[in-house]
Amino acid sequence: MAGTAGRSGRRPKPTARKALAGNPGKRALNKDEPVFTPIKGVEPPEWFAEEDLSLATIMWQLTTKELCGQGLLCVTDLAVLERWCVAYEFWRRAVKNIARQGNTITGAMGGRVKNPELTAKKEQESEMSSTGAMLGLDPSSRQRLIGLA
């Protein structure tokens, strides 16, 4: 059987969403579901400034303002937010380099090869998609957060 035991299939709906929908499955609701306290605000990690990640810092400030304003950001989410902001910084750098160098560059043997920044860009887009979904930063993920705030 594929997958990890106990982890296969759909992710369970949070109890708050089930209750908001009137518990359509009529199953017992989890009364022991962990509840994390939303935070009001948090400064960007110090290492962002140390590593000159100015775009990551800006995205941190914009994103925490929105998520904290909705009561959706908890301390347990900060590592995911950190990953999202760093991926955004590296994605922007890759896009800038592609715009400057083009989709192909001169390879070691003198021929034209695919610009490696295209791969970096794609990897950062994937990271942003997965971490952004965890934080509810896209429309469909936001819908899954309804009833949690």
N, C-alpha and C. Protein backbone atom coordinates (compact mmCIF):
# COMPACT_ATOMS: atom_id res chain seq x y z
N MET A 1 0.84 -1.17 0.00
CA MET A 1 0.00 0.00 0.00
C MET A 1 0.89 1.24 0.00
N ALA A 2 0.57 2.19 -0.85
CA ALA A 2 1.37 3.40 -0.97
C ALA A 2 1.05 4.36 0.17
N GLY A 3 2.00 5.25 0.44
CA GLY A 3 1.76 6.28 1.44
C GLY A 3 2.23 5.86 2.82
N THR A 4 2.13 6.79 3.73
CA THR A 4 2.53 6.56 5.11
C THR A 4 1.29 6.20 5.92
N ALA A 5 1.41 5.22 6.77
CA ALA A 5 0.27 4.78 7.58
C ALA A 5 -0.30 5.94 8.37
N GLY A 6 -1.60 6.12 8.27
CA GLY A 6 -2.27 7.20 9.00
C GLY A 6 -2.17 8.55 8.34
N ARG A 7 -1.47 8.66 7.23
CA ARG A 7 -1.27 9.95 6.56
C ARG A 7 -1.82 9.97 5.14
N SER A 8 -2.37 8.86 4.68
CA SER A 8 -2.87 8.79 3.31
C SER A 8 -4.24 9.44 3.20
N GLY A 9 -4.58 9.85 2.00
CA GLY A 9 -5.91 10.41 1.75
C GLY A 9 -5.99 11.90 2.01
N ARG A 10 -7.22 12.38 2.02
CA ARG A 10 -7.47 13.79 2.24
C ARG A 10 -7.06 14.22 3.64
N ARG A 11 -6.67 15.48 3.73
CA ARG A 11 -6.40 16.03 5.05
C ARG A 11 -7.74 16.24 5.74
N PRO A 12 -7.80 15.97 7.04
CA PRO A 12 -9.07 16.16 7.74
C PRO A 12 -9.43 17.64 7.87
N LYS A 13 -10.73 17.92 7.84
CA LYS A 13 -11.19 19.28 8.06
C LYS A 13 -10.99 19.63 9.53
N PRO A 14 -10.58 20.86 9.80
CA PRO A 14 -10.50 21.28 11.20
C PRO A 14 -11.90 21.24 11.84
N THR A 15 -11.93 20.98 13.12
CA THR A 15 -13.19 20.88 13.85
C THR A 15 -14.02 22.16 13.71
N ALA A 16 -13.36 23.31 13.72
CA ALA A 16 -14.08 24.58 13.60
C ALA A 16 -14.85 24.65 12.28
N ARG A 17 -14.27 24.15 11.21
CA ARG A 17 -14.97 24.16 9.92
C ARG A 17 -16.14 23.20 9.92
N LYS A 18 -15.95 22.02 10.53
CA LYS A 18 -17.05 21.05 10.60
C LYS A 18 -18.22 21.63 11.38
N ALA A 19 -17.92 22.26 12.51
CA ALA A 19 -18.97 22.85 13.34
C ALA A 19 -19.67 23.98 12.60
N LEU A 20 -18.91 24.80 11.89
CA LEU A 20 -19.48 25.91 11.13
C LEU A 20 -20.43 25.41 10.05
N ALA A 21 -20.12 24.26 9.48
CA ALA A 21 -20.97 23.67 8.43
C ALA A 21 -22.12 22.85 9.02
N GLY A 22 -22.25 22.81 10.34
CA GLY A 22 -23.33 22.05 10.95
C GLY A 22 -23.03 20.58 11.10
N ASN A 23 -21.76 20.20 11.07
CA ASN A 23 -21.33 18.80 11.19
C ASN A 23 -22.11 17.88 10.25
N PRO A 24 -21.95 18.09 8.94
CA PRO A 24 -22.74 17.32 7.97
C PRO A 24 -22.55 15.81 8.05
N GLY A 25 -21.41 15.32 8.49
CA GLY A 25 -21.18 13.88 8.59
C GLY A 25 -21.76 13.27 9.85
N LYS A 26 -22.19 14.11 10.78
CA LYS A 26 -22.79 13.69 12.05
C LYS A 26 -21.88 12.79 12.87
N ARG A 27 -20.58 12.87 12.61
CA ARG A 27 -19.63 12.11 13.41
C ARG A 27 -19.24 12.96 14.63
N ALA A 28 -18.72 12.31 15.64
CA ALA A 28 -18.30 13.04 16.84
C ALA A 28 -17.19 14.02 16.47
N LEU A 29 -17.27 15.23 17.00
CA LEU A 29 -16.25 16.24 16.75
C LEU A 29 -15.10 16.05 17.73
N ASN A 30 -13.90 16.33 17.25
CA ASN A 30 -12.69 16.20 18.06
C ASN A 30 -12.65 17.33 19.08
N LYS A 31 -12.83 17.00 20.33
CA LYS A 31 -12.81 18.01 21.39
C LYS A 31 -11.39 18.28 21.88
N ASP A 32 -10.44 17.45 21.47
CA ASP A 32 -9.06 17.59 21.92
C ASP A 32 -8.14 18.14 20.83
N GLU A 33 -8.73 18.74 19.81
CA GLU A 33 -7.92 19.30 18.73
C GLU A 33 -7.06 20.44 19.30
N PRO A 34 -5.77 20.47 18.97
CA PRO A 34 -4.92 21.54 19.50
C PRO A 34 -5.37 22.90 18.99
N VAL A 35 -5.32 23.88 19.87
CA VAL A 35 -5.68 25.24 19.51
C VAL A 35 -4.47 26.12 19.78
N PHE A 36 -4.04 26.83 18.75
CA PHE A 36 -2.88 27.70 18.89
C PHE A 36 -3.35 29.15 18.94
N THR A 37 -2.68 29.94 19.74
CA THR A 37 -3.06 31.33 19.91
C THR A 37 -2.50 32.18 18.78
N PRO A 38 -3.37 32.92 18.09
CA PRO A 38 -2.87 33.82 17.03
C PRO A 38 -1.97 34.90 17.63
N ILE A 39 -0.97 35.31 16.87
CA ILE A 39 -0.09 36.37 17.34
C ILE A 39 -0.53 37.69 16.71
N LYS A 40 -0.20 38.78 17.38
CA LYS A 40 -0.62 40.11 16.92
C LYS A 40 0.33 40.70 15.90
N GLY A 41 1.57 40.31 15.95
CA GLY A 41 2.58 40.84 15.04
C GLY A 41 3.94 40.29 15.42
N VAL A 42 4.84 40.29 14.46
CA VAL A 42 6.18 39.76 14.73
C VAL A 42 7.15 40.40 13.74
N GLU A 43 8.31 40.73 14.24
CA GLU A 43 9.35 41.33 13.40
C GLU A 43 9.99 40.27 12.52
N PRO A 44 10.54 40.68 11.37
CA PRO A 44 11.24 39.72 10.50
C PRO A 44 12.44 39.11 11.23
N PRO A 45 12.84 37.90 10.86
CA PRO A 45 14.02 37.30 11.47
C PRO A 45 15.25 38.19 11.26
N GLU A 46 16.10 38.27 12.26
CA GLU A 46 17.29 39.12 12.18
C GLU A 46 18.20 38.72 11.03
N TRP A 47 18.26 37.43 10.73
CA TRP A 47 19.19 36.98 9.70
C TRP A 47 18.79 37.48 8.32
N PHE A 48 17.54 37.91 8.12
CA PHE A 48 17.15 38.51 6.83
C PHE A 48 18.03 39.73 6.56
N ALA A 49 18.20 40.59 7.57
CA ALA A 49 19.03 41.79 7.41
C ALA A 49 20.49 41.42 7.28
N GLU A 50 20.93 40.43 8.05
CA GLU A 50 22.33 40.01 8.01
C GLU A 50 22.71 39.47 6.64
N GLU A 51 21.77 38.83 5.96
CA GLU A 51 22.03 38.24 4.64
C GLU A 51 21.55 39.12 3.49
N ASP A 52 21.16 40.35 3.80
CA ASP A 52 20.69 41.32 2.80
C ASP A 52 19.50 40.77 2.00
N LEU A 53 18.52 40.24 2.71
CA LEU A 53 17.30 39.75 2.08
C LEU A 53 16.21 40.82 2.22
N SER A 54 16.40 41.93 1.50
CA SER A 54 15.48 43.06 1.65
C SER A 54 14.08 42.75 1.14
N LEU A 55 13.96 42.02 0.03
CA LEU A 55 12.64 41.68 -0.49
C LEU A 55 11.92 40.70 0.44
N ALA A 56 12.67 39.79 1.04
CA ALA A 56 12.08 38.85 2.01
C ALA A 56 11.55 39.63 3.21
N THR A 57 12.28 40.65 3.63
CA THR A 57 11.85 41.48 4.76
C THR A 57 10.57 42.22 4.42
N ILE A 58 10.50 42.79 3.23
CA ILE A 58 9.29 43.50 2.80
C ILE A 58 8.10 42.55 2.75
N MET A 59 8.29 41.37 2.17
CA MET A 59 7.19 40.41 2.08
C MET A 59 6.78 39.93 3.46
N TRP A 60 7.73 39.77 4.37
CA TRP A 60 7.41 39.38 5.74
C TRP A 60 6.47 40.43 6.36
N GLN A 61 6.84 41.70 6.21
CA GLN A 61 6.04 42.78 6.81
C GLN A 61 4.64 42.84 6.21
N LEU A 62 4.55 42.74 4.88
CA LEU A 62 3.24 42.78 4.23
C LEU A 62 2.38 41.58 4.60
N THR A 63 2.98 40.40 4.60
CA THR A 63 2.24 39.17 4.85
C THR A 63 1.81 39.06 6.30
N THR A 64 2.70 39.39 7.24
CA THR A 64 2.32 39.31 8.65
C THR A 64 1.21 40.31 8.97
N LYS A 65 1.24 41.47 8.34
CA LYS A 65 0.18 42.46 8.56
C LYS A 65 -1.18 41.87 8.18
N GLU A 66 -1.25 41.23 7.02
CA GLU A 66 -2.51 40.63 6.56
C GLU A 66 -2.93 39.44 7.42
N LEU A 67 -2.01 38.51 7.64
CA LEU A 67 -2.36 37.30 8.39
C LEU A 67 -2.69 37.60 9.85
N CYS A 68 -1.92 38.48 10.48
CA CYS A 68 -2.21 38.84 11.87
C CYS A 68 -3.52 39.62 11.96
N GLY A 69 -3.79 40.45 10.97
CA GLY A 69 -5.05 41.21 10.94
C GLY A 69 -6.27 40.30 10.89
N GLN A 70 -6.12 39.13 10.29
CA GLN A 70 -7.22 38.17 10.20
C GLN A 70 -7.18 37.14 11.33
N GLY A 71 -6.17 37.23 12.19
CA GLY A 71 -6.03 36.27 13.28
C GLY A 71 -5.62 34.89 12.80
N LEU A 72 -4.88 34.84 11.69
CA LEU A 72 -4.52 33.56 11.08
C LEU A 72 -3.08 33.13 11.30
N LEU A 73 -2.26 33.97 11.93
CA LEU A 73 -0.85 33.63 12.09
C LEU A 73 -0.55 33.26 13.54
N CYS A 74 0.03 32.08 13.72
CA CYS A 74 0.43 31.60 15.04
C CYS A 74 1.94 31.39 15.04
N VAL A 75 2.52 31.29 16.21
CA VAL A 75 3.96 31.07 16.33
C VAL A 75 4.38 29.83 15.54
N THR A 76 3.53 28.83 15.52
CA THR A 76 3.84 27.58 14.83
C THR A 76 3.92 27.74 13.32
N ASP A 77 3.45 28.88 12.79
CA ASP A 77 3.48 29.14 11.35
C ASP A 77 4.72 29.91 10.90
N LEU A 78 5.51 30.40 11.83
CA LEU A 78 6.59 31.32 11.48
C LEU A 78 7.66 30.69 10.60
N ALA A 79 8.00 29.43 10.81
CA ALA A 79 9.02 28.79 9.97
C ALA A 79 8.53 28.66 8.53
N VAL A 80 7.24 28.37 8.36
CA VAL A 80 6.68 28.27 7.01
C VAL A 80 6.68 29.65 6.35
N LEU A 81 6.32 30.68 7.10
CA LEU A 81 6.34 32.04 6.56
C LEU A 81 7.76 32.45 6.18
N GLU A 82 8.72 32.07 6.99
CA GLU A 82 10.12 32.36 6.71
C GLU A 82 10.53 31.73 5.38
N ARG A 83 10.17 30.46 5.18
CA ARG A 83 10.48 29.77 3.92
C ARG A 83 9.82 30.48 2.75
N TRP A 84 8.58 30.91 2.92
CA TRP A 84 7.85 31.58 1.84
C TRP A 84 8.55 32.89 1.45
N CYS A 85 8.94 33.67 2.43
CA CYS A 85 9.58 34.96 2.17
C CYS A 85 10.94 34.79 1.48
N VAL A 86 11.72 33.81 1.92
CA VAL A 86 13.02 33.55 1.31
C VAL A 86 12.84 33.06 -0.13
N ALA A 87 11.87 32.19 -0.35
CA ALA A 87 11.59 31.71 -1.71
C ALA A 87 11.20 32.88 -2.61
N TYR A 88 10.42 33.81 -2.08
CA TYR A 88 10.03 34.99 -2.85
C TYR A 88 11.26 35.80 -3.24
N GLU A 89 12.16 36.02 -2.30
CA GLU A 89 13.39 36.77 -2.57
C GLU A 89 14.20 36.11 -3.69
N PHE A 90 14.41 34.80 -3.58
CA PHE A 90 15.21 34.10 -4.59
C PHE A 90 14.49 34.02 -5.93
N TRP A 91 13.17 33.93 -5.91
CA TRP A 91 12.39 33.94 -7.15
C TRP A 91 12.57 35.27 -7.87
N ARG A 92 12.48 36.37 -7.14
CA ARG A 92 12.65 37.69 -7.74
C ARG A 92 14.06 37.86 -8.32
N ARG A 93 15.07 37.35 -7.61
CA ARG A 93 16.44 37.43 -8.12
C ARG A 93 16.58 36.64 -9.42
N ALA A 94 15.99 35.45 -9.46
CA ALA A 94 16.06 34.62 -10.67
C ALA A 94 15.36 35.31 -11.84
N VAL A 95 14.19 35.88 -11.59
CA VAL A 95 13.44 36.58 -12.65
C VAL A 95 14.27 37.75 -13.18
N LYS A 96 14.91 38.48 -12.29
CA LYS A 96 15.75 39.62 -12.70
C LYS A 96 16.93 39.14 -13.55
N ASN A 97 17.57 38.05 -13.15
CA ASN A 97 18.70 37.52 -13.91
C ASN A 97 18.26 37.00 -15.28
N ILE A 98 17.10 36.37 -15.35
CA ILE A 98 16.58 35.88 -16.63
C ILE A 98 16.28 37.06 -17.55
N ALA A 99 15.71 38.10 -17.00
CA ALA A 99 15.40 39.29 -17.81
C ALA A 99 16.69 39.91 -18.37
N ARG A 100 17.75 39.87 -17.59
CA ARG A 100 19.02 40.44 -18.01
C ARG A 100 19.77 39.53 -18.99
N GLN A 101 19.78 38.22 -18.73
CA GLN A 101 20.59 37.29 -19.50
C GLN A 101 19.84 36.58 -20.62
N GLY A 102 18.52 36.46 -20.49
CA GLY A 102 17.74 35.72 -21.47
C GLY A 102 17.54 34.27 -21.06
N ASN A 103 16.76 33.55 -21.86
CA ASN A 103 16.45 32.15 -21.55
C ASN A 103 17.61 31.20 -21.82
N THR A 104 18.55 31.63 -22.66
CA THR A 104 19.73 30.81 -22.93
C THR A 104 20.98 31.63 -22.66
N ILE A 105 22.04 30.93 -22.30
CA ILE A 105 23.32 31.57 -22.07
C ILE A 105 24.40 30.77 -22.79
N THR A 106 25.58 31.32 -22.88
CA THR A 106 26.69 30.60 -23.50
C THR A 106 27.24 29.59 -22.50
N GLY A 107 27.27 28.33 -22.90
CA GLY A 107 27.75 27.25 -22.03
C GLY A 107 29.26 27.15 -22.03
N ALA A 108 29.79 26.23 -21.26
CA ALA A 108 31.23 26.03 -21.11
C ALA A 108 31.90 25.66 -22.42
N MET A 109 31.17 24.98 -23.31
CA MET A 109 31.72 24.57 -24.60
C MET A 109 31.47 25.60 -25.70
N GLY A 110 30.90 26.73 -25.35
CA GLY A 110 30.68 27.79 -26.32
C GLY A 110 29.31 27.78 -26.98
N GLY A 111 28.54 26.74 -26.78
CA GLY A 111 27.19 26.66 -27.36
C GLY A 111 26.15 27.29 -26.44
N ARG A 112 24.95 27.45 -26.96
CA ARG A 112 23.85 28.02 -26.18
C ARG A 112 23.21 26.91 -25.34
N VAL A 113 22.98 27.20 -24.07
CA VAL A 113 22.34 26.26 -23.15
C VAL A 113 21.25 26.99 -22.37
N LYS A 114 20.35 26.21 -21.81
CA LYS A 114 19.28 26.77 -20.99
C LYS A 114 19.88 27.51 -19.80
N ASN A 115 19.38 28.68 -19.54
CA ASN A 115 19.83 29.47 -18.40
C ASN A 115 19.45 28.74 -17.11
N PRO A 116 20.42 28.42 -16.23
CA PRO A 116 20.11 27.73 -14.98
C PRO A 116 19.16 28.50 -14.07
N GLU A 117 19.06 29.80 -14.30
CA GLU A 117 18.14 30.62 -13.50
C GLU A 117 16.69 30.20 -13.74
N LEU A 118 16.40 29.62 -14.92
CA LEU A 118 15.05 29.14 -15.19
C LEU A 118 14.68 28.00 -14.24
N THR A 119 15.63 27.13 -13.96
CA THR A 119 15.39 26.04 -13.01
C THR A 119 15.23 26.60 -11.60
N ALA A 120 16.08 27.55 -11.24
CA ALA A 120 15.98 28.17 -9.92
C ALA A 120 14.62 28.85 -9.75
N LYS A 121 14.18 29.53 -10.79
CA LYS A 121 12.88 30.21 -10.77
C LYS A 121 11.75 29.21 -10.54
N LYS A 122 11.80 28.12 -11.28
CA LYS A 122 10.75 27.09 -11.17
C LYS A 122 10.74 26.46 -9.77
N GLU A 123 11.92 26.20 -9.21
CA GLU A 123 12.01 25.61 -7.87
C GLU A 123 11.44 26.56 -6.82
N GLN A 124 11.72 27.84 -6.96
CA GLN A 124 11.19 28.82 -6.00
C GLN A 124 9.68 28.97 -6.14
N GLU A 125 9.18 28.89 -7.38
CA GLU A 125 7.72 28.95 -7.59
C GLU A 125 7.04 27.77 -6.90
N SER A 126 7.66 26.61 -6.98
CA SER A 126 7.11 25.42 -6.32
C SER A 126 7.11 25.59 -4.80
N GLU A 127 8.20 26.10 -4.27
CA GLU A 127 8.29 26.34 -2.82
C GLU A 127 7.26 27.38 -2.38
N MET A 128 7.11 28.44 -3.17
CA MET A 128 6.13 29.47 -2.83
C MET A 128 4.71 28.91 -2.88
N SER A 129 4.43 28.05 -3.85
CA SER A 129 3.09 27.46 -3.95
C SER A 129 2.78 26.59 -2.74
N SER A 130 3.71 25.73 -2.36
CA SER A 130 3.43 24.82 -1.24
C SER A 130 3.36 25.55 0.09
N THR A 131 4.31 26.44 0.36
CA THR A 131 4.28 27.16 1.64
C THR A 131 3.15 28.18 1.66
N GLY A 132 2.89 28.81 0.53
CA GLY A 132 1.78 29.76 0.46
C GLY A 132 0.45 29.10 0.73
N ALA A 133 0.27 27.88 0.23
CA ALA A 133 -0.97 27.14 0.48
C ALA A 133 -1.12 26.83 1.96
N MET A 134 -0.02 26.50 2.63
CA MET A 134 -0.08 26.22 4.07
C MET A 134 -0.54 27.44 4.85
N LEU A 135 -0.18 28.62 4.34
CA LEU A 135 -0.52 29.86 5.04
C LEU A 135 -1.83 30.48 4.56
N GLY A 136 -2.43 29.91 3.52
CA GLY A 136 -3.68 30.47 2.99
C GLY A 136 -3.45 31.69 2.12
N LEU A 137 -2.35 31.72 1.37
CA LEU A 137 -2.01 32.90 0.58
C LEU A 137 -2.55 32.87 -0.84
N ASP A 138 -3.28 31.84 -1.21
CA ASP A 138 -3.92 31.81 -2.53
C ASP A 138 -5.43 31.62 -2.31
N PRO A 139 -6.24 31.98 -3.29
CA PRO A 139 -7.70 31.96 -3.10
C PRO A 139 -8.27 30.61 -2.65
N SER A 140 -7.83 29.51 -3.25
CA SER A 140 -8.41 28.22 -2.86
C SER A 140 -7.97 27.82 -1.45
N SER A 141 -6.75 28.13 -1.07
CA SER A 141 -6.29 27.82 0.29
C SER A 141 -7.01 28.69 1.31
N ARG A 142 -7.28 29.93 0.94
CA ARG A 142 -8.03 30.82 1.84
C ARG A 142 -9.40 30.25 2.15
N GLN A 143 -10.04 29.64 1.15
CA GLN A 143 -11.36 29.05 1.36
C GLN A 143 -11.31 27.95 2.41
N ARG A 144 -10.20 27.23 2.48
CA ARG A 144 -10.07 26.15 3.46
C ARG A 144 -9.87 26.70 4.88
N LEU A 145 -9.49 27.98 4.98
CA LEU A 145 -9.27 28.58 6.29
C LEU A 145 -10.53 29.20 6.87
N ILE A 146 -11.60 29.28 6.09
CA ILE A 146 -12.84 29.88 6.57
C ILE A 146 -13.30 29.15 7.82
N GLY A 147 -13.63 29.91 8.82
CA GLY A 147 -14.11 29.30 10.05
C GLY A 147 -13.01 29.05 11.06
N LEU A 148 -11.77 29.27 10.68
CA LEU A 148 -10.68 29.05 11.63
C LEU A 148 -10.35 30.31 12.40
N ALA A 149 -10.62 31.45 11.80
CA ALA A 149 -10.26 32.72 12.45
C ALA A 149 -11.30 33.13 13.45
